[in-house]
PDB file of N, CA and C in Angstrom:
ATOM      1  N   MET A   1      11.115   1.378 -51.244  1.00  0.00           N
ATOM      2  CA  MET A   1      10.663   2.633 -50.357  1.00  0.00           C
ATOM      3  C   MET A   1      11.994   3.333 -50.230  1.00  0.00           C
ATOM      4  N   SER A   2      11.959   4.739 -50.421  1.00  0.00           N
ATOM      5  CA  SER A   2      13.037   5.581 -50.156  1.00  0.00           C
ATOM      6  C   SER A   2      13.366   5.775 -48.619  1.00  0.00           C
ATOM      7  N   ILE A   3      14.614   6.224 -48.216  1.00  0.00           N
ATOM      8  CA  ILE A   3      14.706   6.422 -46.750  1.00  0.00           C
ATOM      9  C   ILE A   3      13.955   7.557 -46.344  1.00  0.00           C
ATOM     10  N   LYS A   4      13.609   8.646 -47.211  1.00  0.00           N
ATOM     11  CA  LYS A   4      12.636   9.630 -46.878  1.00  0.00           C
ATOM     12  C   LYS A   4      11.450   8.996 -46.470  1.00  0.00           C
ATOM     13  N   GLU A   5      10.895   8.243 -47.325  1.00  0.00           N
ATOM     14  CA  GLU A   5       9.416   7.675 -47.096  1.00  0.00           C
ATOM     15  C   GLU A   5       9.532   6.879 -45.887  1.00  0.00           C
ATOM     16  N   ARG A   6      10.613   6.109 -45.566  1.00  0.00           N
ATOM     17  CA  ARG A   6      10.634   5.456 -44.198  1.00  0.00           C
ATOM     18  C   ARG A   6      10.658   6.171 -43.122  1.00  0.00           C
ATOM     19  N   LEU A   7      11.449   7.305 -43.237  1.00  0.00           N
ATOM     20  CA  LEU A   7      11.513   8.312 -42.070  1.00  0.00           C
ATOM     21  C   LEU A   7      10.326   8.872 -41.755  1.00  0.00           C
ATOM     22  N   LEU A   8       9.674   9.356 -42.677  1.00  0.00           N
ATOM     23  CA  LEU A   8       8.201   9.907 -42.468  1.00  0.00           C
ATOM     24  C   LEU A   8       7.229   9.080 -42.009  1.00  0.00           C
ATOM     25  N   LYS A   9       7.323   7.767 -41.959  1.00  0.00           N
ATOM     26  CA  LYS A   9       6.441   6.771 -41.433  1.00  0.00           C
ATOM     27  C   LYS A   9       6.656   6.658 -39.891  1.00  0.00           C
ATOM     28  N   ILE A  10       7.691   6.921 -39.571  1.00  0.00           N
ATOM     29  CA  ILE A  10       8.084   6.596 -38.021  1.00  0.00           C
ATOM     30  C   ILE A  10       7.370   7.566 -36.993  1.00  0.00           C
ATOM     31  N   LYS A  11       6.697   6.837 -36.217  1.00  0.00           N
ATOM     32  CA  LYS A  11       5.627   7.560 -35.292  1.00  0.00           C
ATOM     33  C   LYS A  11       6.689   7.785 -33.790  1.00  0.00           C
ATOM     34  N   ASN A  12       6.287   8.765 -33.222  1.00  0.00           N
ATOM     35  CA  ASN A  12       6.982   8.970 -32.000  1.00  0.00           C
ATOM     36  C   ASN A  12       6.330   8.154 -30.906  1.00  0.00           C
ATOM     37  N   LYS A  13       7.086   7.468 -30.504  1.00  0.00           N
ATOM     38  CA  LYS A  13       6.638   6.483 -29.243  1.00  0.00           C
ATOM     39  C   LYS A  13       6.687   6.962 -27.912  1.00  0.00           C
ATOM     40  N   ILE A  14       6.125   6.429 -27.015  1.00  0.00           N
ATOM     41  CA  ILE A  14       6.140   6.649 -25.679  1.00  0.00           C
ATOM     42  C   ILE A  14       7.323   5.799 -25.164  1.00  0.00           C
ATOM     43  N   ASN A  15       8.253   6.536 -24.357  1.00  0.00           N
ATOM     44  CA  ASN A  15       9.507   5.966 -23.768  1.00  0.00           C
ATOM     45  C   ASN A  15       9.438   6.192 -22.398  1.00  0.00           C
ATOM     46  N   THR A  16      10.234   5.479 -21.475  1.00  0.00           N
ATOM     47  CA  THR A  16      10.210   5.650 -20.107  1.00  0.00           C
ATOM     48  C   THR A  16      11.734   5.550 -19.594  1.00  0.00           C
ATOM     49  N   VAL A  17      11.876   6.660 -18.647  1.00  0.00           N
ATOM     50  CA  VAL A  17      13.300   6.813 -17.894  1.00  0.00           C
ATOM     51  C   VAL A  17      12.913   6.783 -16.424  1.00  0.00           C
ATOM     52  N   GLU A  18      13.676   6.159 -15.506  1.00  0.00           N
ATOM     53  CA  GLU A  18      13.789   6.200 -14.321  1.00  0.00           C
ATOM     54  C   GLU A  18      14.629   7.325 -13.731  1.00  0.00           C
ATOM     55  N   CYS A  19      13.998   7.892 -12.684  1.00  0.00           N
ATOM     56  CA  CYS A  19      14.855   8.937 -12.062  1.00  0.00           C
ATOM     57  C   CYS A  19      14.134   9.148 -10.522  1.00  0.00           C
ATOM     58  N   MET A  20      14.979   9.397  -9.754  1.00  0.00           N
ATOM     59  CA  MET A  20      14.576   9.426  -8.283  1.00  0.00           C
ATOM     60  C   MET A  20      13.445   8.301  -7.752  1.00  0.00           C
ATOM     61  N   GLY A  21      13.468   7.095  -8.159  1.00  0.00           N
ATOM     62  CA  GLY A  21      12.434   6.144  -7.836  1.00  0.00           C
ATOM     63  C   GLY A  21      11.123   6.164  -8.728  1.00  0.00           C
ATOM     64  N   GLU A  22      11.227   7.214  -9.683  1.00  0.00           N
ATOM     65  CA  GLU A  22       9.771   7.317 -10.472  1.00  0.00           C
ATOM     66  C   GLU A  22      10.158   6.779 -11.866  1.00  0.00           C
ATOM     67  N   LYS A  23       9.083   6.178 -12.474  1.00  0.00           N
ATOM     68  CA  LYS A  23       9.200   5.966 -14.108  1.00  0.00           C
ATOM     69  C   LYS A  23       8.375   7.207 -14.557  1.00  0.00           C
ATOM     70  N   ILE A  24       9.181   7.843 -15.439  1.00  0.00           N
ATOM     71  CA  ILE A  24       8.675   9.008 -16.300  1.00  0.00           C
ATOM     72  C   ILE A  24       8.562   8.736 -17.598  1.00  0.00           C
ATOM     73  N   HIS A  25       7.321   8.949 -18.197  1.00  0.00           N
ATOM     74  CA  HIS A  25       7.167   8.868 -19.659  1.00  0.00           C
ATOM     75  C   HIS A  25       7.456  10.064 -20.249  1.00  0.00           C
ATOM     76  N   TYR A  26       7.799   9.908 -21.409  1.00  0.00           N
ATOM     77  CA  TYR A  26       8.338  11.041 -22.551  1.00  0.00           C
ATOM     78  C   TYR A  26       8.451  10.593 -23.837  1.00  0.00           C
ATOM     79  N   MET A  27       8.115  11.619 -24.664  1.00  0.00           N
ATOM     80  CA  MET A  27       8.219  11.381 -26.161  1.00  0.00           C
ATOM     81  C   MET A  27       9.500  12.180 -26.744  1.00  0.00           C
ATOM     82  N   HIS A  28      10.061  11.775 -27.768  1.00  0.00           N
ATOM     83  CA  HIS A  28      11.300  12.625 -28.165  1.00  0.00           C
ATOM     84  C   HIS A  28      10.767  13.968 -28.840  1.00  0.00           C
ATOM     85  N   LEU A  29      11.706  14.916 -28.667  1.00  0.00           N
ATOM     86  CA  LEU A  29      11.354  16.178 -29.344  1.00  0.00           C
ATOM     87  C   LEU A  29      11.464  16.126 -30.707  1.00  0.00           C
ATOM     88  N   LYS A  30      10.331  16.786 -31.388  1.00  0.00           N
ATOM     89  CA  LYS A  30      10.082  16.753 -32.675  1.00  0.00           C
ATOM     90  C   LYS A  30      10.724  18.028 -33.363  1.00  0.00           C
ATOM     91  N   GLY A  31      11.130  17.853 -34.580  1.00  0.00           N
ATOM     92  CA  GLY A  31      11.745  19.226 -35.232  1.00  0.00           C
ATOM     93  C   GLY A  31      10.707  20.227 -35.278  1.00  0.00           C
ATOM     94  N   SER A  32       9.187  20.080 -35.257  1.00  0.00           N
ATOM     95  CA  SER A  32       8.400  21.032 -35.271  1.00  0.00           C
ATOM     96  C   SER A  32       8.242  21.729 -33.992  1.00  0.00           C
ATOM     97  N   GLN A  33       8.895  21.211 -32.835  1.00  0.00           N
ATOM     98  CA  GLN A  33       8.823  21.966 -31.655  1.00  0.00           C
ATOM     99  C   GLN A  33      10.142  22.843 -31.481  1.00  0.00           C
ATOM    100  N   SER A  34      11.269  22.824 -32.278  1.00  0.00           N
ATOM    101  CA  SER A  34      12.338  23.327 -32.088  1.00  0.00           C
ATOM    102  C   SER A  34      12.281  24.980 -31.896  1.00  0.00           C
ATOM    103  N   HIS A  35      11.371  25.487 -32.705  1.00  0.00           N
ATOM    104  CA  HIS A  35      11.300  27.011 -32.737  1.00  0.00           C
ATOM    105  C   HIS A  35      10.819  27.440 -31.167  1.00  0.00           C
ATOM    106  N   LEU A  36      10.270  26.677 -30.428  1.00  0.00           N
ATOM    107  CA  LEU A  36      10.090  27.007 -29.213  1.00  0.00           C
ATOM    108  C   LEU A  36      11.301  27.148 -28.175  1.00  0.00           C
ATOM    109  N   LEU A  37      12.151  26.215 -28.460  1.00  0.00           N
ATOM    110  CA  LEU A  37      13.555  26.489 -27.740  1.00  0.00           C
ATOM    111  C   LEU A  37      14.227  27.699 -28.191  1.00  0.00           C
ATOM    112  N   SER A  38      14.309  27.959 -29.356  1.00  0.00           N
ATOM    113  CA  SER A  38      15.038  29.079 -29.678  1.00  0.00           C
ATOM    114  C   SER A  38      14.379  30.439 -29.069  1.00  0.00           C
ATOM    115  N   ALA A  39      12.926  30.432 -28.695  1.00  0.00           N
ATOM    116  CA  ALA A  39      12.383  31.464 -28.106  1.00  0.00           C
ATOM    117  C   ALA A  39      12.615  31.585 -26.579  1.00  0.00           C
ATOM    118  N   CYS A  40      13.225  30.506 -25.980  1.00  0.00           N
ATOM    119  CA  CYS A  40      13.262  30.420 -24.650  1.00  0.00           C
ATOM    120  C   CYS A  40      14.433  31.007 -24.162  1.00  0.00           C
ATOM    121  N   LYS A  41      14.541  31.536 -22.763  1.00  0.00           N
ATOM    122  CA  LYS A  41      15.994  32.073 -22.255  1.00  0.00           C
ATOM    123  C   LYS A  41      16.750  30.631 -22.098  1.00  0.00           C
ATOM    124  N   SER A  42      18.183  30.821 -22.194  1.00  0.00           N
ATOM    125  CA  SER A  42      19.052  29.808 -22.075  1.00  0.00           C
ATOM    126  C   SER A  42      18.983  28.843 -20.734  1.00  0.00           C
ATOM    127  N   GLY A  43      18.617  29.446 -19.748  1.00  0.00           N
ATOM    128  CA  GLY A  43      18.455  28.711 -18.681  1.00  0.00           C
ATOM    129  C   GLY A  43      17.212  27.900 -18.333  1.00  0.00           C
ATOM    130  N   ASP A  44      16.298  28.108 -19.299  1.00  0.00           N
ATOM    131  CA  ASP A  44      14.971  27.543 -19.496  1.00  0.00           C
ATOM    132  C   ASP A  44      14.976  26.259 -20.378  1.00  0.00           C
ATOM    133  N   ILE A  45      15.966  25.875 -21.128  1.00  0.00           N
ATOM    134  CA  ILE A  45      15.921  25.055 -22.216  1.00  0.00           C
ATOM    135  C   ILE A  45      15.554  23.627 -21.709  1.00  0.00           C
ATOM    136  N   ASP A  46      16.269  23.198 -20.680  1.00  0.00           N
ATOM    137  CA  ASP A  46      15.807  21.964 -20.375  1.00  0.00           C
ATOM    138  C   ASP A  46      14.398  21.667 -19.696  1.00  0.00           C
ATOM    139  N   ALA A  47      13.943  22.778 -19.055  1.00  0.00           N
ATOM    140  CA  ALA A  47      12.483  22.892 -18.555  1.00  0.00           C
ATOM    141  C   ALA A  47      11.581  22.761 -19.645  1.00  0.00           C
ATOM    142  N   THR A  48      12.047  23.469 -20.685  1.00  0.00           N
ATOM    143  CA  THR A  48      11.045  23.764 -22.006  1.00  0.00           C
ATOM    144  C   THR A  48      11.093  22.257 -22.675  1.00  0.00           C
ATOM    145  N   ILE A  49      11.894  21.751 -22.801  1.00  0.00           N
ATOM    146  CA  ILE A  49      12.123  20.481 -23.298  1.00  0.00           C
ATOM    147  C   ILE A  49      11.200  19.278 -22.483  1.00  0.00           C
ATOM    148  N   PHE A  50      11.374  19.400 -21.066  1.00  0.00           N
ATOM    149  CA  PHE A  50      10.630  18.602 -20.297  1.00  0.00           C
ATOM    150  C   PHE A  50       9.058  18.958 -20.403  1.00  0.00           C
ATOM    151  N   ALA A  51       8.706  19.990 -20.670  1.00  0.00           N
ATOM    152  CA  ALA A  51       7.305  20.386 -20.621  1.00  0.00           C
ATOM    153  C   ALA A  51       6.716  19.833 -22.139  1.00  0.00           C
ATOM    154  N   LEU A  52       7.661  19.886 -23.144  1.00  0.00           N
ATOM    155  CA  LEU A  52       7.112  19.507 -24.489  1.00  0.00           C
ATOM    156  C   LEU A  52       7.147  18.053 -24.647  1.00  0.00           C
ATOM    157  N   CYS A  53       7.910  17.388 -23.859  1.00  0.00           N
ATOM    158  CA  CYS A  53       8.083  15.950 -24.018  1.00  0.00           C
ATOM    159  C   CYS A  53       7.546  14.969 -22.832  1.00  0.00           C
ATOM    160  N   ALA A  54       7.463  15.322 -21.624  1.00  0.00           N
ATOM    161  CA  ALA A  54       7.150  14.533 -20.479  1.00  0.00           C
ATOM    162  C   ALA A  54       5.704  14.186 -20.791  1.00  0.00           C
ATOM    163  N   CYS A  55       5.239  12.947 -20.620  1.00  0.00           N
ATOM    164  CA  CYS A  55       3.671  12.634 -20.708  1.00  0.00           C
ATOM    165  C   CYS A  55       3.274  11.596 -19.750  1.00  0.00           C
ATOM    166  N   GLU A  56       2.104  11.440 -19.669  1.00  0.00           N
ATOM    167  CA  GLU A  56       1.515  10.283 -19.058  1.00  0.00           C
ATOM    168  C   GLU A  56       1.595   8.902 -19.832  1.00  0.00           C
ATOM    169  N   GLU A  57       1.330   7.824 -19.378  1.00  0.00           N
ATOM    170  CA  GLU A  57       1.643   6.601 -19.798  1.00  0.00           C
ATOM    171  C   GLU A  57       0.746   6.488 -21.188  1.00  0.00           C
ATOM    172  N   ASP A  58      -0.369   7.151 -21.357  1.00  0.00           N
ATOM    173  CA  ASP A  58      -1.151   7.155 -22.682  1.00  0.00           C
ATOM    174  C   ASP A  58      -0.780   8.237 -23.583  1.00  0.00           C
ATOM    175  N   GLY A  59       0.400   8.977 -23.357  1.00  0.00           N
ATOM    176  CA  GLY A  59       0.909   9.974 -24.317  1.00  0.00           C
ATOM    177  C   GLY A  59       0.282  11.329 -23.939  1.00  0.00           C
ATOM    178  N   GLN A  60      -0.640  11.486 -23.258  1.00  0.00           N
ATOM    179  CA  GLN A  60      -1.159  12.961 -22.605  1.00  0.00           C
ATOM    180  C   GLN A  60       0.040  13.716 -22.183  1.00  0.00           C
ATOM    181  N   LEU A  61       0.360  15.006 -22.631  1.00  0.00           N
ATOM    182  CA  LEU A  61       1.499  15.686 -22.069  1.00  0.00           C
ATOM    183  C   LEU A  61       1.173  15.947 -20.664  1.00  0.00           C
ATOM    184  N   MET A  62       2.152  15.876 -19.753  1.00  0.00           N
ATOM    185  CA  MET A  62       2.060  16.290 -18.136  1.00  0.00           C
ATOM    186  C   MET A  62       1.823  17.698 -18.017  1.00  0.00           C
ATOM    187  N   PHE A  63       2.545  18.720 -18.770  1.00  0.00           N
ATOM    188  CA  PHE A  63       2.439  20.028 -18.738  1.00  0.00           C
ATOM    189  C   PHE A  63       2.425  20.845 -19.939  1.00  0.00           C
ATOM    190  N   THR A  64       1.659  21.975 -20.020  1.00  0.00           N
ATOM    191  CA  THR A  64       1.807  22.857 -21.235  1.00  0.00           C
ATOM    192  C   THR A  64       2.952  23.801 -21.238  1.00  0.00           C
ATOM    193  N   ILE A  65       3.238  24.353 -22.357  1.00  0.00           N
ATOM    194  CA  ILE A  65       4.488  25.399 -22.121  1.00  0.00           C
ATOM    195  C   ILE A  65       4.057  26.596 -21.249  1.00  0.00           C
ATOM    196  N   ASP A  66       2.767  26.779 -21.055  1.00  0.00           N
ATOM    197  CA  ASP A  66       2.173  27.955 -20.166  1.00  0.00           C
ATOM    198  C   ASP A  66       2.512  27.459 -18.778  1.00  0.00           C
ATOM    199  N   GLU A  67       2.794  26.147 -18.429  1.00  0.00           N
ATOM    200  CA  GLU A  67       2.936  25.741 -16.991  1.00  0.00           C
ATOM    201  C   GLU A  67       4.609  25.553 -16.804  1.00  0.00           C
ATOM    202  N   LEU A  68       5.441  26.297 -17.435  1.00  0.00           N
ATOM    203  CA  LEU A  68       6.870  26.284 -17.538  1.00  0.00           C
ATOM    204  C   LEU A  68       7.422  26.668 -16.051  1.00  0.00           C
ATOM    205  N   GLU A  69       6.542  27.578 -15.428  1.00  0.00           N
ATOM    206  CA  GLU A  69       7.077  27.860 -14.020  1.00  0.00           C
ATOM    207  C   GLU A  69       6.949  26.728 -13.060  1.00  0.00           C
ATOM    208  N   ASP A  70       5.811  25.842 -13.347  1.00  0.00           N
ATOM    209  CA  ASP A  70       5.619  24.716 -12.411  1.00  0.00           C
ATOM    210  C   ASP A  70       6.718  23.816 -12.775  1.00  0.00           C
ATOM    211  N   VAL A  71       6.965  23.482 -13.946  1.00  0.00           N
ATOM    212  CA  VAL A  71       7.996  22.487 -14.323  1.00  0.00           C
ATOM    213  C   VAL A  71       9.433  23.018 -13.599  1.00  0.00           C
ATOM    214  N   LYS A  72       9.697  24.283 -13.518  1.00  0.00           N
ATOM    215  CA  LYS A  72      10.860  24.840 -12.968  1.00  0.00           C
ATOM    216  C   LYS A  72      11.006  24.472 -11.459  1.00  0.00           C
ATOM    217  N   GLN A  73       9.906  23.999 -10.749  1.00  0.00           N
ATOM    218  CA  GLN A  73       9.940  23.697  -9.395  1.00  0.00           C
ATOM    219  C   GLN A  73      10.291  22.261  -9.211  1.00  0.00           C
ATOM    220  N   LEU A  74      10.337  21.448 -10.264  1.00  0.00           N
ATOM    221  CA  LEU A  74      10.827  20.133 -10.014  1.00  0.00           C
ATOM    222  C   LEU A  74      12.285  20.110  -9.812  1.00  0.00           C
ATOM    223  N   PRO A  75      12.634  18.991  -9.110  1.00  0.00           N
ATOM    224  CA  PRO A  75      14.338  18.781  -8.949  1.00  0.00           C
ATOM    225  C   PRO A  75      14.959  18.803 -10.479  1.00  0.00           C
ATOM    226  N   ASN A  76      16.192  19.402 -10.579  1.00  0.00           N
ATOM    227  CA  ASN A  76      16.992  19.591 -11.697  1.00  0.00           C
ATOM    228  C   ASN A  76      17.097  18.233 -12.225  1.00  0.00           C
ATOM    229  N   VAL A  77      17.632  17.237 -11.447  1.00  0.00           N
ATOM    230  CA  VAL A  77      17.913  15.741 -11.791  1.00  0.00           C
ATOM    231  C   VAL A  77      16.832  15.322 -12.633  1.00  0.00           C
ATOM    232  N   ILE A  78      15.343  15.526 -12.281  1.00  0.00           N
ATOM    233  CA  ILE A  78      14.458  15.036 -13.056  1.00  0.00           C
ATOM    234  C   ILE A  78      14.249  15.832 -14.325  1.00  0.00           C
ATOM    235  N   ILE A  79      14.342  17.022 -14.435  1.00  0.00           N
ATOM    236  CA  ILE A  79      14.274  17.753 -15.578  1.00  0.00           C
ATOM    237  C   ILE A  79      15.192  17.462 -16.479  1.00  0.00           C
ATOM    238  N   ASN A  80      16.492  17.403 -16.109  1.00  0.00           N
ATOM    239  CA  ASN A  80      17.679  17.210 -17.132  1.00  0.00           C
ATOM    240  C   ASN A  80      17.630  15.672 -17.275  1.00  0.00           C
ATOM    241  N   THR A  81      17.200  14.801 -16.784  1.00  0.00           N
ATOM    242  CA  THR A  81      17.195  13.392 -17.018  1.00  0.00           C
ATOM    243  C   THR A  81      16.257  13.165 -18.156  1.00  0.00           C
ATOM    244  N   VAL A  82      15.160  13.859 -18.178  1.00  0.00           N
ATOM    245  CA  VAL A  82      14.081  13.538 -19.119  1.00  0.00           C
ATOM    246  C   VAL A  82      14.461  14.308 -20.300  1.00  0.00           C
ATOM    247  N   SER A  83      15.119  15.562 -20.172  1.00  0.00           N
ATOM    248  CA  SER A  83      15.345  16.415 -21.326  1.00  0.00           C
ATOM    249  C   SER A  83      16.411  15.841 -22.147  1.00  0.00           C
ATOM    250  N   LYS A  84      17.554  15.063 -21.374  1.00  0.00           N
ATOM    251  CA  LYS A  84      18.554  14.611 -22.164  1.00  0.00           C
ATOM    252  C   LYS A  84      18.030  13.268 -23.088  1.00  0.00           C
ATOM    253  N   ALA A  85      16.959  12.590 -22.245  1.00  0.00           N
ATOM    254  CA  ALA A  85      16.522  11.412 -22.987  1.00  0.00           C
ATOM    255  C   ALA A  85      15.784  11.835 -24.173  1.00  0.00           C
ATOM    256  N   ALA A  86      14.809  12.721 -23.853  1.00  0.00           N
ATOM    257  CA  ALA A  86      14.069  13.101 -25.032  1.00  0.00           C
ATOM    258  C   ALA A  86      14.894  13.813 -26.273  1.00  0.00           C
ATOM    259  N   LEU A  87      15.994  14.215 -26.003  1.00  0.00           N
ATOM    260  CA  LEU A  87      16.878  14.702 -27.150  1.00  0.00           C
ATOM    261  C   LEU A  87      17.613  13.594 -27.831  1.00  0.00           C
ATOM    262  N   MET A  88      18.299  12.679 -26.951  1.00  0.00           N
ATOM    263  CA  MET A  88      19.145  11.917 -27.399  1.00  0.00           C
ATOM    264  C   MET A  88      18.620  10.505 -27.882  1.00  0.00           C
ATOM    265  N   GLY A  89      17.540  10.092 -27.579  1.00  0.00           N
ATOM    266  CA  GLY A  89      16.974   9.017 -28.080  1.00  0.00           C
ATOM    267  C   GLY A  89      17.531   7.649 -28.046  1.00  0.00           C
ATOM    268  N   ASP A  90      18.274   7.357 -26.965  1.00  0.00           N
ATOM    269  CA  ASP A  90      18.992   6.138 -26.960  1.00  0.00           C
ATOM    270  C   ASP A  90      18.310   5.382 -25.607  1.00  0.00           C
ATOM    271  N   GLU A  91      17.154   4.537 -26.088  1.00  0.00           N
ATOM    272  CA  GLU A  91      16.677   4.073 -24.947  1.00  0.00           C
ATOM    273  C   GLU A  91      17.283   2.786 -24.499  1.00  0.00           C
ATOM    274  N   LYS A  92      18.448   2.182 -25.196  1.00  0.00           N
ATOM    275  CA  LYS A  92      19.143   1.069 -24.648  1.00  0.00           C
ATOM    276  C   LYS A  92      19.875   1.453 -23.406  1.00  0.00           C
ATOM    277  N   LYS A  93      20.353   2.602 -23.078  1.00  0.00           N
ATOM    278  CA  LYS A  93      20.986   2.954 -22.050  1.00  0.00           C
ATOM    279  C   LYS A  93      20.330   3.623 -20.920  1.00  0.00           C
ATOM    280  N   PRO A  94      20.217   3.095 -19.853  1.00  0.00           N
ATOM    281  CA  PRO A  94      19.269   3.503 -18.611  1.00  0.00           C
ATOM    282  C   PRO A  94      19.962   4.924 -18.350  1.00  0.00           C
ATOM    283  N   ARG A  95      18.959   5.817 -17.886  1.00  0.00           N
ATOM    284  CA  ARG A  95      19.488   7.059 -17.422  1.00  0.00           C
ATOM    285  C   ARG A  95      18.667   7.435 -15.926  1.00  0.00           C
ATOM    286  N   GLY A  96      19.265   8.327 -15.379  1.00  0.00           N
ATOM    287  CA  GLY A  96      18.766   8.734 -14.047  1.00  0.00           C
ATOM    288  C   GLY A  96      19.262   8.110 -13.049  1.00  0.00           C
ATOM    289  N   ARG A  97      18.838   8.343 -11.794  1.00  0.00           N
ATOM    290  CA  ARG A  97      19.519   7.797 -10.518  1.00  0.00           C
ATOM    291  C   ARG A  97      18.438   7.141  -9.734  1.00  0.00           C
TER     292      ARG A  97
END
């Protein structure tokens, strides 16, 4: 099996990061979602990533992109922790506070 075939079989799994005493579930940002980042204001990138990736334990997204203003009401440490984890994909190193 080629590397391409193996990569295309990888499924986006649910990951968890702890921040401010909460376990927050998320999935990694997909390449198919990147166009949404280029359309957002530079100050909204982390909040947009949070909205696209933060999910419930069953994988159901917490927010829609239409709820971006609600996401921006969350503490920055939560938004940034999930955003960085969703982009970096290194679950071996704990993040958050």
